[in-house]
Amino acid sequence: MPTFTYSVDDEPQTTGEHVLTPVQILQNAGIDPGTHYLVQIMGNHQESYQNKLNEPIHMHERMKFISVSTGPTTVS
């Protein structure tokens, strides 16, 4: 069974699954999907999964994701 290496917030992650949801990717990285959503980085393009928490993502080697907080932003 192949293992895919990917990153969330530049932290390396691995999975043997061919398909993961944004919620699973966040949980595997130790990030609360209740307070964050997932964004996939593909070169200059970003794919937001903010309103697609259970959309299947077909995993590939070296995929890159970031987590974005949905909490209030502080204004200084």
PDB file of N, CA and C in Angstrom:
ATOM      1  N   MET A   1       0.856  -1.191   0.000  1.00  0.00           N
ATOM      2  CA  MET A   1       0.000   0.000   0.000  1.00  0.00           C
ATOM      3  C   MET A   1       0.892   1.242   0.000  1.00  0.00           C
ATOM      4  N   PRO A   2       0.666   2.134  -0.957  1.00  0.00           N
ATOM      5  CA  PRO A   2       1.519   3.326  -1.008  1.00  0.00           C
ATOM      6  C   PRO A   2       1.238   4.280   0.144  1.00  0.00           C
ATOM      7  N   THR A   3       2.283   4.989   0.528  1.00  0.00           N
ATOM      8  CA  THR A   3       2.151   6.022   1.547  1.00  0.00           C
ATOM      9  C   THR A   3       2.407   7.357   0.884  1.00  0.00           C
ATOM     10  N   PHE A   4       1.514   8.306   1.126  1.00  0.00           N
ATOM     11  CA  PHE A   4       1.666   9.646   0.561  1.00  0.00           C
ATOM     12  C   PHE A   4       2.214  10.576   1.641  1.00  0.00           C
ATOM     13  N   THR A   5       3.218  11.360   1.278  1.00  0.00           N
ATOM     14  CA  THR A   5       3.749  12.379   2.170  1.00  0.00           C
ATOM     15  C   THR A   5       3.201  13.723   1.713  1.00  0.00           C
ATOM     16  N   TYR A   6       2.650  14.474   2.659  1.00  0.00           N
ATOM     17  CA  TYR A   6       2.095  15.791   2.358  1.00  0.00           C
ATOM     18  C   TYR A   6       2.401  16.705   3.537  1.00  0.00           C
ATOM     19  N   SER A   7       2.077  17.988   3.429  1.00  0.00           N
ATOM     20  CA  SER A   7       2.357  18.887   4.545  1.00  0.00           C
ATOM     21  C   SER A   7       1.139  19.737   4.873  1.00  0.00           C
ATOM     22  N   VAL A   8       1.017  20.044   6.162  1.00  0.00           N
ATOM     23  CA  VAL A   8       0.002  20.970   6.659  1.00  0.00           C
ATOM     24  C   VAL A   8       0.758  22.014   7.471  1.00  0.00           C
ATOM     25  N   ASP A   9       0.667  23.275   7.074  1.00  0.00           N
ATOM     26  CA  ASP A   9       1.414  24.357   7.728  1.00  0.00           C
ATOM     27  C   ASP A   9       2.908  24.031   7.784  1.00  0.00           C
ATOM     28  N   ASP A  10       3.432  23.474   6.696  1.00  0.00           N
ATOM     29  CA  ASP A  10       4.845  23.098   6.557  1.00  0.00           C
ATOM     30  C   ASP A  10       5.281  21.977   7.505  1.00  0.00           C
ATOM     31  N   GLU A  11       4.321  21.298   8.144  1.00  0.00           N
ATOM     32  CA  GLU A  11       4.650  20.142   8.983  1.00  0.00           C
ATOM     33  C   GLU A  11       4.375  18.879   8.170  1.00  0.00           C
ATOM     34  N   PRO A  12       5.376  17.999   8.052  1.00  0.00           N
ATOM     35  CA  PRO A  12       5.181  16.798   7.238  1.00  0.00           C
ATOM     36  C   PRO A  12       4.156  15.847   7.850  1.00  0.00           C
ATOM     37  N   GLN A  13       3.325  15.272   6.999  1.00  0.00           N
ATOM     38  CA  GLN A  13       2.311  14.300   7.381  1.00  0.00           C
ATOM     39  C   GLN A  13       2.391  13.140   6.394  1.00  0.00           C
ATOM     40  N   THR A  14       1.921  11.981   6.813  1.00  0.00           N
ATOM     41  CA  THR A  14       1.847  10.853   5.896  1.00  0.00           C
ATOM     42  C   THR A  14       0.509  10.161   6.058  1.00  0.00           C
ATOM     43  N   THR A  15       0.059   9.514   4.983  1.00  0.00           N
ATOM     44  CA  THR A  15      -1.162   8.723   5.028  1.00  0.00           C
ATOM     45  C   THR A  15      -1.065   7.571   4.048  1.00  0.00           C
ATOM     46  N   GLY A  16      -1.728   6.496   4.380  1.00  0.00           N
ATOM     47  CA  GLY A  16      -1.852   5.377   3.457  1.00  0.00           C
ATOM     48  C   GLY A  16      -3.165   5.423   2.707  1.00  0.00           C
ATOM     49  N   GLU A  17      -4.000   6.422   3.055  1.00  0.00           N
ATOM     50  CA  GLU A  17      -5.311   6.545   2.421  1.00  0.00           C
ATOM     51  C   GLU A  17      -5.181   7.240   1.065  1.00  0.00           C
ATOM     52  N   HIS A  18      -5.991   6.797   0.116  1.00  0.00           N
ATOM     53  CA  HIS A  18      -6.001   7.434  -1.202  1.00  0.00           C
ATOM     54  C   HIS A  18      -6.895   8.668  -1.218  1.00  0.00           C
ATOM     55  N   VAL A  19      -7.887   8.697  -0.321  1.00  0.00           N
ATOM     56  CA  VAL A  19      -8.826   9.814  -0.258  1.00  0.00           C
ATOM     57  C   VAL A  19      -8.984  10.227   1.201  1.00  0.00           C
ATOM     58  N   LEU A  20      -8.847  11.529   1.470  1.00  0.00           N
ATOM     59  CA  LEU A  20      -9.092  12.086   2.802  1.00  0.00           C
ATOM     60  C   LEU A  20     -10.014  13.291   2.649  1.00  0.00           C
ATOM     61  N   THR A  21     -10.738  13.611   3.706  1.00  0.00           N
ATOM     62  CA  THR A  21     -11.541  14.835   3.704  1.00  0.00           C
ATOM     63  C   THR A  21     -10.731  15.940   4.378  1.00  0.00           C
ATOM     64  N   PRO A  22     -11.091  17.206   4.147  1.00  0.00           N
ATOM     65  CA  PRO A  22     -10.405  18.296   4.849  1.00  0.00           C
ATOM     66  C   PRO A  22     -10.425  18.115   6.367  1.00  0.00           C
ATOM     67  N   VAL A  23     -11.552  17.617   6.915  1.00  0.00           N
ATOM     68  CA  VAL A  23     -11.637  17.397   8.361  1.00  0.00           C
ATOM     69  C   VAL A  23     -10.592  16.372   8.795  1.00  0.00           C
ATOM     70  N   GLN A  24     -10.457  15.272   8.042  1.00  0.00           N
ATOM     71  CA  GLN A  24      -9.475  14.245   8.397  1.00  0.00           C
ATOM     72  C   GLN A  24      -8.049  14.781   8.314  1.00  0.00           C
ATOM     73  N   ILE A  25      -7.765  15.585   7.294  1.00  0.00           N
ATOM     74  CA  ILE A  25      -6.420  16.146   7.136  1.00  0.00           C
ATOM     75  C   ILE A  25      -6.091  17.065   8.315  1.00  0.00           C
ATOM     76  N   LEU A  26      -7.051  17.908   8.711  1.00  0.00           N
ATOM     77  CA  LEU A  26      -6.826  18.790   9.859  1.00  0.00           C
ATOM     78  C   LEU A  26      -6.639  17.975  11.136  1.00  0.00           C
ATOM     79  N   GLN A  27      -7.509  16.986  11.360  1.00  0.00           N
ATOM     80  CA  GLN A  27      -7.415  16.172  12.577  1.00  0.00           C
ATOM     81  C   GLN A  27      -6.094  15.412  12.624  1.00  0.00           C
ATOM     82  N   ASN A  28      -5.655  14.871  11.491  1.00  0.00           N
ATOM     83  CA  ASN A  28      -4.381  14.134  11.450  1.00  0.00           C
ATOM     84  C   ASN A  28      -3.213  15.045  11.808  1.00  0.00           C
ATOM     85  N   ALA A  29      -3.357  16.349  11.528  1.00  0.00           N
ATOM     86  CA  ALA A  29      -2.299  17.314  11.837  1.00  0.00           C
ATOM     87  C   ALA A  29      -2.455  17.897  13.246  1.00  0.00           C
ATOM     88  N   GLY A  30      -3.471  17.434  13.987  1.00  0.00           N
ATOM     89  CA  GLY A  30      -3.680  17.926  15.342  1.00  0.00           C
ATOM     90  C   GLY A  30      -4.314  19.305  15.390  1.00  0.00           C
ATOM     91  N   ILE A  31      -5.067  19.656  14.338  1.00  0.00           N
ATOM     92  CA  ILE A  31      -5.708  20.967  14.245  1.00  0.00           C
ATOM     93  C   ILE A  31      -7.217  20.774  14.363  1.00  0.00           C
ATOM     94  N   ASP A  32      -7.860  21.629  15.138  1.00  0.00           N
ATOM     95  CA  ASP A  32      -9.296  21.519  15.381  1.00  0.00           C
ATOM     96  C   ASP A  32     -10.085  22.004  14.157  1.00  0.00           C
ATOM     97  N   PRO A  33     -10.816  21.094  13.481  1.00  0.00           N
ATOM     98  CA  PRO A  33     -11.599  21.526  12.319  1.00  0.00           C
ATOM     99  C   PRO A  33     -12.787  22.404  12.696  1.00  0.00           C
ATOM    100  N   GLY A  34     -13.080  22.509  13.995  1.00  0.00           N
ATOM    101  CA  GLY A  34     -14.138  23.400  14.445  1.00  0.00           C
ATOM    102  C   GLY A  34     -13.705  24.860  14.450  1.00  0.00           C
ATOM    103  N   THR A  35     -12.389  25.098  14.473  1.00  0.00           N
ATOM    104  CA  THR A  35     -11.882  26.473  14.529  1.00  0.00           C
ATOM    105  C   THR A  35     -10.988  26.826  13.339  1.00  0.00           C
ATOM    106  N   HIS A  36     -10.768  25.861  12.442  1.00  0.00           N
ATOM    107  CA  HIS A  36      -9.905  26.090  11.278  1.00  0.00           C
ATOM    108  C   HIS A  36     -10.515  25.440  10.045  1.00  0.00           C
ATOM    109  N   TYR A  37     -10.130  25.943   8.890  1.00  0.00           N
ATOM    110  CA  TYR A  37     -10.468  25.246   7.655  1.00  0.00           C
ATOM    111  C   TYR A  37      -9.198  25.056   6.840  1.00  0.00           C
ATOM    112  N   LEU A  38      -9.302  24.195   5.835  1.00  0.00           N
ATOM    113  CA  LEU A  38      -8.134  23.776   5.068  1.00  0.00           C
ATOM    114  C   LEU A  38      -8.066  24.523   3.740  1.00  0.00           C
ATOM    115  N   VAL A  39      -6.850  24.892   3.332  1.00  0.00           N
ATOM    116  CA  VAL A  39      -6.605  25.475   2.014  1.00  0.00           C
ATOM    117  C   VAL A  39      -5.469  24.686   1.377  1.00  0.00           C
ATOM    118  N   GLN A  40      -5.694  24.232   0.140  1.00  0.00           N
ATOM    119  CA  GLN A  40      -4.642  23.521  -0.587  1.00  0.00           C
ATOM    120  C   GLN A  40      -3.880  24.524  -1.439  1.00  0.00           C
ATOM    121  N   ILE A  41      -2.543  24.440  -1.391  1.00  0.00           N
ATOM    122  CA  ILE A  41      -1.667  25.324  -2.156  1.00  0.00           C
ATOM    123  C   ILE A  41      -1.157  24.555  -3.373  1.00  0.00           C
ATOM    124  N   MET A  42      -1.427  25.085  -4.562  1.00  0.00           N
ATOM    125  CA  MET A  42      -0.960  24.450  -5.806  1.00  0.00           C
ATOM    126  C   MET A  42      -0.295  25.528  -6.650  1.00  0.00           C
ATOM    127  N   GLY A  43       0.996  25.739  -6.429  1.00  0.00           N
ATOM    128  CA  GLY A  43       1.694  26.810  -7.142  1.00  0.00           C
ATOM    129  C   GLY A  43       1.113  28.159  -6.764  1.00  0.00           C
ATOM    130  N   ASN A  44       0.611  28.887  -7.754  1.00  0.00           N
ATOM    131  CA  ASN A  44       0.015  30.197  -7.494  1.00  0.00           C
ATOM    132  C   ASN A  44      -1.479  30.098  -7.204  1.00  0.00           C
ATOM    133  N   HIS A  45      -2.033  28.892  -7.245  1.00  0.00           N
ATOM    134  CA  HIS A  45      -3.472  28.693  -7.039  1.00  0.00           C
ATOM    135  C   HIS A  45      -3.723  28.160  -5.641  1.00  0.00           C
ATOM    136  N   GLN A  46      -4.802  28.626  -5.018  1.00  0.00           N
ATOM    137  CA  GLN A  46      -5.205  28.114  -3.710  1.00  0.00           C
ATOM    138  C   GLN A  46      -6.630  27.607  -3.802  1.00  0.00           C
ATOM    139  N   GLU A  47      -6.870  26.419  -3.262  1.00  0.00           N
ATOM    140  CA  GLU A  47      -8.204  25.835  -3.229  1.00  0.00           C
ATOM    141  C   GLU A  47      -8.674  25.807  -1.789  1.00  0.00           C
ATOM    142  N   SER A  48      -9.708  26.601  -1.481  1.00  0.00           N
ATOM    143  CA  SER A  48     -10.232  26.666  -0.119  1.00  0.00           C
ATOM    144  C   SER A  48     -11.297  25.597   0.074  1.00  0.00           C
ATOM    145  N   TYR A  49     -11.224  24.932   1.218  1.00  0.00           N
ATOM    146  CA  TYR A  49     -12.239  23.949   1.580  1.00  0.00           C
ATOM    147  C   TYR A  49     -13.070  24.457   2.755  1.00  0.00           C
ATOM    148  N   GLN A  50     -13.230  25.776   2.850  1.00  0.00           N
ATOM    149  CA  GLN A  50     -13.919  26.376   3.997  1.00  0.00           C
ATOM    150  C   GLN A  50     -15.340  25.847   4.147  1.00  0.00           C
ATOM    151  N   ASN A  51     -16.077  25.736   3.064  1.00  0.00           N
ATOM    152  CA  ASN A  51     -17.456  25.259   3.138  1.00  0.00           C
ATOM    153  C   ASN A  51     -17.601  23.862   2.536  1.00  0.00           C
ATOM    154  N   LYS A  52     -16.478  23.141   2.451  1.00  0.00           N
ATOM    155  CA  LYS A  52     -16.477  21.801   1.865  1.00  0.00           C
ATOM    156  C   LYS A  52     -15.729  20.853   2.798  1.00  0.00           C
ATOM    157  N   LEU A  53     -16.177  20.801   4.059  1.00  0.00           N
ATOM    158  CA  LEU A  53     -15.445  20.065   5.088  1.00  0.00           C
ATOM    159  C   LEU A  53     -15.337  18.578   4.814  1.00  0.00           C
ATOM    160  N   ASN A  54     -16.316  18.003   4.125  1.00  0.00           N
ATOM    161  CA  ASN A  54     -16.309  16.557   3.890  1.00  0.00           C
ATOM    162  C   ASN A  54     -16.120  16.204   2.424  1.00  0.00           C
ATOM    163  N   GLU A  55     -15.625  17.167   1.633  1.00  0.00           N
ATOM    164  CA  GLU A  55     -15.357  16.886   0.220  1.00  0.00           C
ATOM    165  C   GLU A  55     -14.139  15.970   0.111  1.00  0.00           C
ATOM    166  N   PRO A  56     -14.253  14.883  -0.653  1.00  0.00           N
ATOM    167  CA  PRO A  56     -13.099  13.986  -0.775  1.00  0.00           C
ATOM    168  C   PRO A  56     -11.945  14.649  -1.528  1.00  0.00           C
ATOM    169  N   ILE A  57     -10.747  14.509  -0.978  1.00  0.00           N
ATOM    170  CA  ILE A  57      -9.528  15.005  -1.627  1.00  0.00           C
ATOM    171  C   ILE A  57      -8.708  13.782  -2.000  1.00  0.00           C
ATOM    172  N   HIS A  58      -8.430  13.628  -3.287  1.00  0.00           N
ATOM    173  CA  HIS A  58      -7.615  12.502  -3.748  1.00  0.00           C
ATOM    174  C   HIS A  58      -6.152  12.833  -3.470  1.00  0.00           C
ATOM    175  N   MET A  59      -5.544  12.050  -2.616  1.00  0.00           N
ATOM    176  CA  MET A  59      -4.198  12.349  -2.129  1.00  0.00           C
ATOM    177  C   MET A  59      -3.136  12.004  -3.173  1.00  0.00           C
ATOM    178  N   HIS A  60      -2.131  12.849  -3.242  1.00  0.00           N
ATOM    179  CA  HIS A  60      -0.971  12.646  -4.111  1.00  0.00           C
ATOM    180  C   HIS A  60       0.270  12.987  -3.311  1.00  0.00           C
ATOM    181  N   GLU A  61       1.403  12.512  -3.775  1.00  0.00           N
ATOM    182  CA  GLU A  61       2.672  12.785  -3.106  1.00  0.00           C
ATOM    183  C   GLU A  61       2.965  14.287  -3.123  1.00  0.00           C
ATOM    184  N   ARG A  62       3.476  14.806  -1.989  1.00  0.00           N
ATOM    185  CA  ARG A  62       3.931  16.193  -1.840  1.00  0.00           C
ATOM    186  C   ARG A  62       2.818  17.232  -2.006  1.00  0.00           C
ATOM    187  N   MET A  63       1.605  16.902  -1.599  1.00  0.00           N
ATOM    188  CA  MET A  63       0.554  17.921  -1.588  1.00  0.00           C
ATOM    189  C   MET A  63       0.847  18.891  -0.448  1.00  0.00           C
ATOM    190  N   LYS A  64       0.403  20.133  -0.593  1.00  0.00           N
ATOM    191  CA  LYS A  64       0.694  21.164   0.411  1.00  0.00           C
ATOM    192  C   LYS A  64      -0.608  21.828   0.827  1.00  0.00           C
ATOM    193  N   PHE A  65      -0.812  21.884   2.141  1.00  0.00           N
ATOM    194  CA  PHE A  65      -2.010  22.495   2.696  1.00  0.00           C
ATOM    195  C   PHE A  65      -1.620  23.484   3.785  1.00  0.00           C
ATOM    196  N   ILE A  66      -2.499  24.447   4.029  1.00  0.00           N
ATOM    197  CA  ILE A  66      -2.360  25.312   5.190  1.00  0.00           C
ATOM    198  C   ILE A  66      -3.702  25.332   5.919  1.00  0.00           C
ATOM    199  N   SER A  67      -3.652  25.598   7.213  1.00  0.00           N
ATOM    200  CA  SER A  67      -4.878  25.752   7.988  1.00  0.00           C
ATOM    201  C   SER A  67      -5.108  27.242   8.204  1.00  0.00           C
ATOM    202  N   VAL A  68      -6.385  27.626   8.172  1.00  0.00           N
ATOM    203  CA  VAL A  68      -6.751  29.019   8.365  1.00  0.00           C
ATOM    204  C   VAL A  68      -7.752  29.073   9.508  1.00  0.00           C
ATOM    205  N   SER A  69      -7.474  29.923  10.491  1.00  0.00           N
ATOM    206  CA  SER A  69      -8.357  30.056  11.647  1.00  0.00           C
ATOM    207  C   SER A  69      -9.643  30.756  11.244  1.00  0.00           C
ATOM    208  N   THR A  70     -10.759  30.242  11.762  1.00  0.00           N
ATOM    209  CA  THR A  70     -12.047  30.884  11.498  1.00  0.00           C
ATOM    210  C   THR A  70     -12.431  31.799  12.662  1.00  0.00           C
ATOM    211  N   GLY A  71     -11.563  31.917  13.651  1.00  0.00           N
ATOM    212  CA  GLY A  71     -11.842  32.748  14.819  1.00  0.00           C
ATOM    213  C   GLY A  71     -11.767  34.225  14.480  1.00  0.00           C
ATOM    214  N   PRO A  72     -12.191  35.057  15.432  1.00  0.00           N
ATOM    215  CA  PRO A  72     -12.129  36.502  15.177  1.00  0.00           C
ATOM    216  C   PRO A  72     -10.686  36.982  15.063  1.00  0.00           C
ATOM    217  N   THR A  73     -10.469  37.875  14.140  1.00  0.00           N
ATOM    218  CA  THR A  73      -9.119  38.441  13.997  1.00  0.00           C
ATOM    219  C   THR A  73      -9.038  39.708  14.831  1.00  0.00           C
ATOM    220  N   THR A  74      -7.921  39.875  15.503  1.00  0.00           N
ATOM    221  CA  THR A  74      -7.759  41.055  16.332  1.00  0.00           C
ATOM    222  C   THR A  74      -7.271  42.206  15.466  1.00  0.00           C
ATOM    223  N   VAL A  75      -7.829  43.365  15.714  1.00  0.00           N
ATOM    224  CA  VAL A  75      -7.445  44.568  14.970  1.00  0.00           C
ATOM    225  C   VAL A  75      -6.703  45.474  15.949  1.00  0.00           C
ATOM    226  N   SER A  76      -5.482  45.851  15.569  1.00  0.00           N
ATOM    227  CA  SER A  76      -4.691  46.684  16.478  1.00  0.00           C
ATOM    228  C   SER A  76      -4.930  48.149  16.227  1.00  0.00           C
TER     229      SER A  76
END
